[in-house]
PDB file of N, CA and C in Angstrom:
ATOM      1  N   MET A   1      87.489 107.423  86.262  1.00  0.00           N
ATOM      2  CA  MET A   1      86.963 106.799  87.463  1.00  0.00           C
ATOM      3  C   MET A   1      86.569 107.908  88.432  1.00  0.00           C
ATOM      4  N   PRO A   2      85.386 107.828  89.002  1.00  0.00           N
ATOM      5  CA  PRO A   2      84.984 108.840  89.977  1.00  0.00           C
ATOM      6  C   PRO A   2      85.902 108.824  91.203  1.00  0.00           C
ATOM      7  N   PRO A   3      86.171 109.987  91.790  1.00  0.00           N
ATOM      8  CA  PRO A   3      87.080 110.033  92.936  1.00  0.00           C
ATOM      9  C   PRO A   3      86.542 109.284  94.156  1.00  0.00           C
ATOM     10  N   GLU A   4      85.231 109.067  94.212  1.00  0.00           N
ATOM     11  CA  GLU A   4      84.656 108.334  95.336  1.00  0.00           C
ATOM     12  C   GLU A   4      85.144 106.887  95.374  1.00  0.00           C
ATOM     13  N   PHE A   5      85.357 106.294  94.205  1.00  0.00           N
ATOM     14  CA  PHE A   5      85.831 104.906  94.148  1.00  0.00           C
ATOM     15  C   PHE A   5      87.238 104.790  94.718  1.00  0.00           C
ATOM     16  N   GLY A   6      88.097 105.713  94.344  1.00  0.00           N
ATOM     17  CA  GLY A   6      89.457 105.697  94.876  1.00  0.00           C
ATOM     18  C   GLY A   6      89.471 105.911  96.381  1.00  0.00           C
ATOM     19  N   ARG A   7      88.658 106.853  96.859  1.00  0.00           N
ATOM     20  CA  ARG A   7      88.582 107.128  98.294  1.00  0.00           C
ATOM     21  C   ARG A   7      88.043 105.907  99.046  1.00  0.00           C
ATOM     22  N   MET A   8      87.029 105.254  98.471  1.00  0.00           N
ATOM     23  CA  MET A   8      86.460 104.075  99.105  1.00  0.00           C
ATOM     24  C   MET A   8      87.482 102.934  99.151  1.00  0.00           C
ATOM     25  N   GLY A   9      88.225 102.740  98.075  1.00  0.00           N
ATOM     26  CA  GLY A   9      89.250 101.698  98.052  1.00  0.00           C
ATOM     27  C   GLY A   9      90.334 101.947  99.083  1.00  0.00           C
ATOM     28  N   LEU A  10      90.743 103.211  99.228  1.00  0.00           N
ATOM     29  CA  LEU A  10      91.757 103.536 100.229  1.00  0.00           C
ATOM     30  C   LEU A  10      91.228 103.351 101.645  1.00  0.00           C
ATOM     31  N   GLN A  11      89.962 103.671 101.876  1.00  0.00           N
ATOM     32  CA  GLN A  11      89.378 103.486 103.205  1.00  0.00           C
ATOM     33  C   GLN A  11      89.287 102.002 103.570  1.00  0.00           C
ATOM     34  N   ILE A  12      88.881 101.184 102.630  1.00  0.00           N
ATOM     35  CA  ILE A  12      88.800  99.738 102.883  1.00  0.00           C
ATOM     36  C   ILE A  12      90.196  99.174 103.139  1.00  0.00           C
ATOM     37  N   ALA A  13      91.162  99.569 102.326  1.00  0.00           N
ATOM     38  CA  ALA A  13      92.542  99.088 102.510  1.00  0.00           C
ATOM     39  C   ALA A  13      93.095  99.535 103.857  1.00  0.00           C
ATOM     40  N   THR A  14      92.804 100.777 104.258  1.00  0.00           N
ATOM     41  CA  THR A  14      93.276 101.276 105.551  1.00  0.00           C
ATOM     42  C   THR A  14      92.677 100.465 106.686  1.00  0.00           C
ATOM     43  N   TRP A  15      91.410 100.172 106.595  1.00  0.00           N
ATOM     44  CA  TRP A  15      90.746  99.374 107.637  1.00  0.00           C
ATOM     45  C   TRP A  15      91.387  97.979 107.733  1.00  0.00           C
ATOM     46  N   ILE A  16      91.620  97.341 106.607  1.00  0.00           N
ATOM     47  CA  ILE A  16      92.235  96.006 106.605  1.00  0.00           C
ATOM     48  C   ILE A  16      93.620  96.059 107.239  1.00  0.00           C
ATOM     49  N   VAL A  17      94.416  97.052 106.877  1.00  0.00           N
ATOM     50  CA  VAL A  17      95.788  97.175 107.392  1.00  0.00           C
ATOM     51  C   VAL A  17      95.767  97.432 108.898  1.00  0.00           C
ATOM     52  N   LEU A  18      94.905  98.339 109.356  1.00  0.00           N
ATOM     53  CA  LEU A  18      94.866  98.656 110.788  1.00  0.00           C
ATOM     54  C   LEU A  18      94.426  97.454 111.628  1.00  0.00           C
ATOM     55  N   VAL A  19      93.402  96.752 111.180  1.00  0.00           N
ATOM     56  CA  VAL A  19      92.927  95.581 111.932  1.00  0.00           C
ATOM     57  C   VAL A  19      93.983  94.485 111.945  1.00  0.00           C
ATOM     58  N   ALA A  20      94.594  94.220 110.797  1.00  0.00           N
ATOM     59  CA  ALA A  20      95.614  93.165 110.730  1.00  0.00           C
ATOM     60  C   ALA A  20      96.825  93.521 111.583  1.00  0.00           C
ATOM     61  N   ALA A  21      97.250  94.781 111.534  1.00  0.00           N
ATOM     62  CA  ALA A  21      98.402  95.186 112.343  1.00  0.00           C
ATOM     63  C   ALA A  21      98.089  95.080 113.833  1.00  0.00           C
ATOM     64  N   GLY A  22      96.875  95.441 114.228  1.00  0.00           N
ATOM     65  CA  GLY A  22      96.477  95.310 115.627  1.00  0.00           C
ATOM     66  C   GLY A  22      96.431  93.860 116.081  1.00  0.00           C
ATOM     67  N   LEU A  23      95.935  92.996 115.225  1.00  0.00           N
ATOM     68  CA  LEU A  23      95.868  91.573 115.579  1.00  0.00           C
ATOM     69  C   LEU A  23      97.249  90.949 115.715  1.00  0.00           C
ATOM     70  N   LEU A  24      98.196  91.402 114.915  1.00  0.00           N
ATOM     71  CA  LEU A  24      99.543  90.823 114.977  1.00  0.00           C
ATOM     72  C   LEU A  24     100.195  91.024 116.347  1.00  0.00           C
ATOM     73  N   LEU A  25      99.758  92.044 117.071  1.00  0.00           N
ATOM     74  CA  LEU A  25     100.324  92.286 118.398  1.00  0.00           C
ATOM     75  C   LEU A  25      99.942  91.199 119.405  1.00  0.00           C
ATOM     76  N   PHE A  26      98.827  90.509 119.160  1.00  0.00           N
ATOM     77  CA  PHE A  26      98.300  89.577 120.146  1.00  0.00           C
ATOM     78  C   PHE A  26      98.370  88.110 119.732  1.00  0.00           C
ATOM     79  N   LEU A  27      98.765  87.826 118.511  1.00  0.00           N
ATOM     80  CA  LEU A  27      98.784  86.434 118.042  1.00  0.00           C
ATOM     81  C   LEU A  27     100.146  85.795 118.282  1.00  0.00           C
ATOM     82  N   GLU A  28     100.113  84.488 118.552  1.00  0.00           N
ATOM     83  CA  GLU A  28     101.340  83.718 118.795  1.00  0.00           C
ATOM     84  C   GLU A  28     102.167  83.596 117.518  1.00  0.00           C
ATOM     85  N   PRO A  29     103.458  83.831 117.611  1.00  0.00           N
ATOM     86  CA  PRO A  29     104.304  83.596 116.438  1.00  0.00           C
ATOM     87  C   PRO A  29     104.274  82.122 116.028  1.00  0.00           C
ATOM     88  N   GLY A  30     104.173  81.877 114.745  1.00  0.00           N
ATOM     89  CA  GLY A  30     104.163  80.510 114.233  1.00  0.00           C
ATOM     90  C   GLY A  30     102.792  79.888 114.134  1.00  0.00           C
ATOM     91  N   SER A  31     101.746  80.566 114.612  1.00  0.00           N
ATOM     92  CA  SER A  31     100.402  79.985 114.540  1.00  0.00           C
ATOM     93  C   SER A  31      99.792  80.254 113.163  1.00  0.00           C
ATOM     94  N   ALA A  32      98.801  79.446 112.824  1.00  0.00           N
ATOM     95  CA  ALA A  32      98.125  79.603 111.537  1.00  0.00           C
ATOM     96  C   ALA A  32      97.385  80.941 111.473  1.00  0.00           C
ATOM     97  N   GLU A  33      96.834  81.373 112.603  1.00  0.00           N
ATOM     98  CA  GLU A  33      96.114  82.644 112.635  1.00  0.00           C
ATOM     99  C   GLU A  33      97.046  83.812 112.299  1.00  0.00           C
ATOM    100  N   ARG A  34      98.276  83.726 112.789  1.00  0.00           N
ATOM    101  CA  ARG A  34      99.234  84.802 112.525  1.00  0.00           C
ATOM    102  C   ARG A  34      99.609  84.847 111.041  1.00  0.00           C
ATOM    103  N   VAL A  35      99.750  83.680 110.423  1.00  0.00           N
ATOM    104  CA  VAL A  35     100.088  83.630 108.998  1.00  0.00           C
ATOM    105  C   VAL A  35      98.958  84.231 108.165  1.00  0.00           C
ATOM    106  N   VAL A  36      97.717  83.885 108.495  1.00  0.00           N
ATOM    107  CA  VAL A  36      96.563  84.428 107.770  1.00  0.00           C
ATOM    108  C   VAL A  36      96.495  85.944 107.957  1.00  0.00           C
ATOM    109  N   THR A  37      96.786  86.417 109.164  1.00  0.00           N
ATOM    110  CA  THR A  37      96.762  87.855 109.430  1.00  0.00           C
ATOM    111  C   THR A  37      97.877  88.562 108.677  1.00  0.00           C
ATOM    112  N   GLN A  38      99.038  87.950 108.572  1.00  0.00           N
ATOM    113  CA  GLN A  38     100.132  88.547 107.807  1.00  0.00           C
ATOM    114  C   GLN A  38      99.773  88.638 106.321  1.00  0.00           C
ATOM    115  N   VAL A  39      99.124  87.611 105.807  1.00  0.00           N
ATOM    116  CA  VAL A  39      98.682  87.644 104.409  1.00  0.00           C
ATOM    117  C   VAL A  39      97.640  88.741 104.222  1.00  0.00           C
ATOM    118  N   SER A  40      96.731  88.888 105.182  1.00  0.00           N
ATOM    119  CA  SER A  40      95.724  89.950 105.106  1.00  0.00           C
ATOM    120  C   SER A  40      96.385  91.324 105.132  1.00  0.00           C
ATOM    121  N   LEU A  41      97.396  91.488 105.966  1.00  0.00           N
ATOM    122  CA  LEU A  41      98.127  92.750 106.019  1.00  0.00           C
ATOM    123  C   LEU A  41      98.793  93.046 104.680  1.00  0.00           C
ATOM    124  N   LEU A  42      99.428  92.058 104.094  1.00  0.00           N
ATOM    125  CA  LEU A  42     100.076  92.226 102.798  1.00  0.00           C
ATOM    126  C   LEU A  42      99.053  92.587 101.721  1.00  0.00           C
ATOM    127  N   LEU A  43      97.919  91.903 101.700  1.00  0.00           N
ATOM    128  CA  LEU A  43      96.891  92.195 100.700  1.00  0.00           C
ATOM    129  C   LEU A  43      96.307  93.596 100.895  1.00  0.00           C
ATOM    130  N   GLY A  44      96.153  94.023 102.144  1.00  0.00           N
ATOM    131  CA  GLY A  44      95.672  95.375 102.411  1.00  0.00           C
ATOM    132  C   GLY A  44      96.648  96.422 101.903  1.00  0.00           C
ATOM    133  N   LEU A  45      97.939  96.186 102.102  1.00  0.00           N
ATOM    134  CA  LEU A  45      98.952  97.118 101.611  1.00  0.00           C
ATOM    135  C   LEU A  45      98.975  97.170 100.085  1.00  0.00           C
ATOM    136  N   VAL A  46      98.857  96.008  99.455  1.00  0.00           N
ATOM    137  CA  VAL A  46      98.839  95.959  97.991  1.00  0.00           C
ATOM    138  C   VAL A  46      97.581  96.650  97.462  1.00  0.00           C
ATOM    139  N   MET A  47      96.442  96.394  98.092  1.00  0.00           N
ATOM    140  CA  MET A  47      95.194  97.029  97.669  1.00  0.00           C
ATOM    141  C   MET A  47      95.276  98.543  97.808  1.00  0.00           C
ATOM    142  N   GLY A  48      95.853  99.010  98.905  1.00  0.00           N
ATOM    143  CA  GLY A  48      96.007 100.444  99.102  1.00  0.00           C
ATOM    144  C   GLY A  48      96.911 101.068  98.052  1.00  0.00           C
ATOM    145  N   ALA A  49      97.997 100.395  97.728  1.00  0.00           N
ATOM    146  CA  ALA A  49      98.918 100.916  96.710  1.00  0.00           C
ATOM    147  C   ALA A  49      98.254 100.959  95.340  1.00  0.00           C
ATOM    148  N   VAL A  50      97.512  99.920  94.998  1.00  0.00           N
ATOM    149  CA  VAL A  50      96.823  99.889  93.706  1.00  0.00           C
ATOM    150  C   VAL A  50      95.749 100.976  93.652  1.00  0.00           C
ATOM    151  N   ALA A  51      94.962 101.125  94.716  1.00  0.00           N
ATOM    152  CA  ALA A  51      93.918 102.155  94.748  1.00  0.00           C
ATOM    153  C   ALA A  51      94.535 103.544  94.646  1.00  0.00           C
ATOM    154  N   TRP A  52      95.653 103.770  95.333  1.00  0.00           N
ATOM    155  CA  TRP A  52      96.316 105.069  95.266  1.00  0.00           C
ATOM    156  C   TRP A  52      96.834 105.339  93.858  1.00  0.00           C
ATOM    157  N   PHE A  53      97.454 104.327  93.262  1.00  0.00           N
ATOM    158  CA  PHE A  53      98.015 104.487  91.921  1.00  0.00           C
ATOM    159  C   PHE A  53      96.918 104.763  90.898  1.00  0.00           C
ATOM    160  N   ILE A  54      95.804 104.039  90.973  1.00  0.00           N
ATOM    161  CA  ILE A  54      94.704 104.237  90.034  1.00  0.00           C
ATOM    162  C   ILE A  54      94.059 105.601  90.250  1.00  0.00           C
ATOM    163  N   ALA A  55      93.845 105.977  91.503  1.00  0.00           N
ATOM    164  CA  ALA A  55      93.236 107.278  91.790  1.00  0.00           C
ATOM    165  C   ALA A  55      94.148 108.411  91.333  1.00  0.00           C
ATOM    166  N   ARG A  56      95.431 108.262  91.511  1.00  0.00           N
ATOM    167  CA  ARG A  56      96.383 109.303  91.100  1.00  0.00           C
ATOM    168  C   ARG A  56      96.454 109.392  89.584  1.00  0.00           C
ATOM    169  N   GLY A  57      96.380 108.267  88.920  1.00  0.00           N
ATOM    170  CA  GLY A  57      96.463 108.256  87.463  1.00  0.00           C
ATOM    171  C   GLY A  57      95.200 108.716  86.771  1.00  0.00           C
ATOM    172  N   SER A  58      94.062 108.708  87.468  1.00  0.00           N
ATOM    173  CA  SER A  58      92.803 109.067  86.827  1.00  0.00           C
ATOM    174  C   SER A  58      92.405 110.515  87.099  1.00  0.00           C
ATOM    175  N   ARG A  59      93.306 111.295  87.712  1.00  0.00           N
ATOM    176  CA  ARG A  59      92.996 112.712  87.923  1.00  0.00           C
ATOM    177  C   ARG A  59      92.871 113.420  86.590  1.00  0.00           C
ATOM    178  N   ASP A  60      92.135 114.506  86.594  1.00  0.00           N
ATOM    179  CA  ASP A  60      91.988 115.294  85.371  1.00  0.00           C
ATOM    180  C   ASP A  60      93.326 115.921  85.008  1.00  0.00           C
ATOM    181  N   ARG A  61      93.668 115.789  83.769  1.00  0.00           N
ATOM    182  CA  ARG A  61      94.934 116.328  83.262  1.00  0.00           C
ATOM    183  C   ARG A  61      94.636 117.567  82.426  1.00  0.00           C
ATOM    184  N   PRO A  62      95.542 118.497  82.372  1.00  0.00           N
ATOM    185  CA  PRO A  62      95.357 119.637  81.480  1.00  0.00           C
ATOM    186  C   PRO A  62      95.417 119.189  80.018  1.00  0.00           C
ATOM    187  N   ILE A  63      94.840 119.979  79.149  1.00  0.00           N
ATOM    188  CA  ILE A  63      94.752 119.595  77.737  1.00  0.00           C
ATOM    189  C   ILE A  63      96.137 119.436  77.115  1.00  0.00           C
ATOM    190  N   GLY A  64      97.087 120.260  77.490  1.00  0.00           N
ATOM    191  CA  GLY A  64      98.414 120.208  76.889  1.00  0.00           C
ATOM    192  C   GLY A  64      99.296 119.095  77.440  1.00  0.00           C
ATOM    193  N   GLY A  65      98.850 118.344  78.392  1.00  0.00           N
ATOM    194  CA  GLY A  65      99.665 117.293  78.998  1.00  0.00           C
ATOM    195  C   GLY A  65      99.904 117.581  80.467  1.00  0.00           C
ATOM    196  N   ARG A  66     100.980 117.049  80.992  1.00  0.00           N
ATOM    197  CA  ARG A  66     101.298 117.240  82.410  1.00  0.00           C
ATOM    198  C   ARG A  66     101.755 118.652  82.679  1.00  0.00           C
ATOM    199  N   GLN A  67     101.419 119.142  83.865  1.00  0.00           N
ATOM    200  CA  GLN A  67     101.906 120.447  84.260  1.00  0.00           C
ATOM    201  C   GLN A  67     103.319 120.308  84.802  1.00  0.00           C
ATOM    202  N   LYS A  68     104.122 121.337  84.602  1.00  0.00           N
ATOM    203  CA  LYS A  68     105.507 121.283  85.085  1.00  0.00           C
ATOM    204  C   LYS A  68     105.644 122.080  86.340  1.00  0.00           C
TER     205      LYS A  68
END
């Protein structure tokens, strides 16, 4: 996978997390908007973790295996 894809995925996930976290400061507890924002925050965190894991796993490895 090209490194640009991993970087783009992390940037999108970061944007989602930052916007959702900012919105949580101003929304009423118990409202439907707050629940949707919490779900968006969770999905942004999951997306960021998946993008990081895939980008880390697709780095070029040495021919002999992992470096120690």
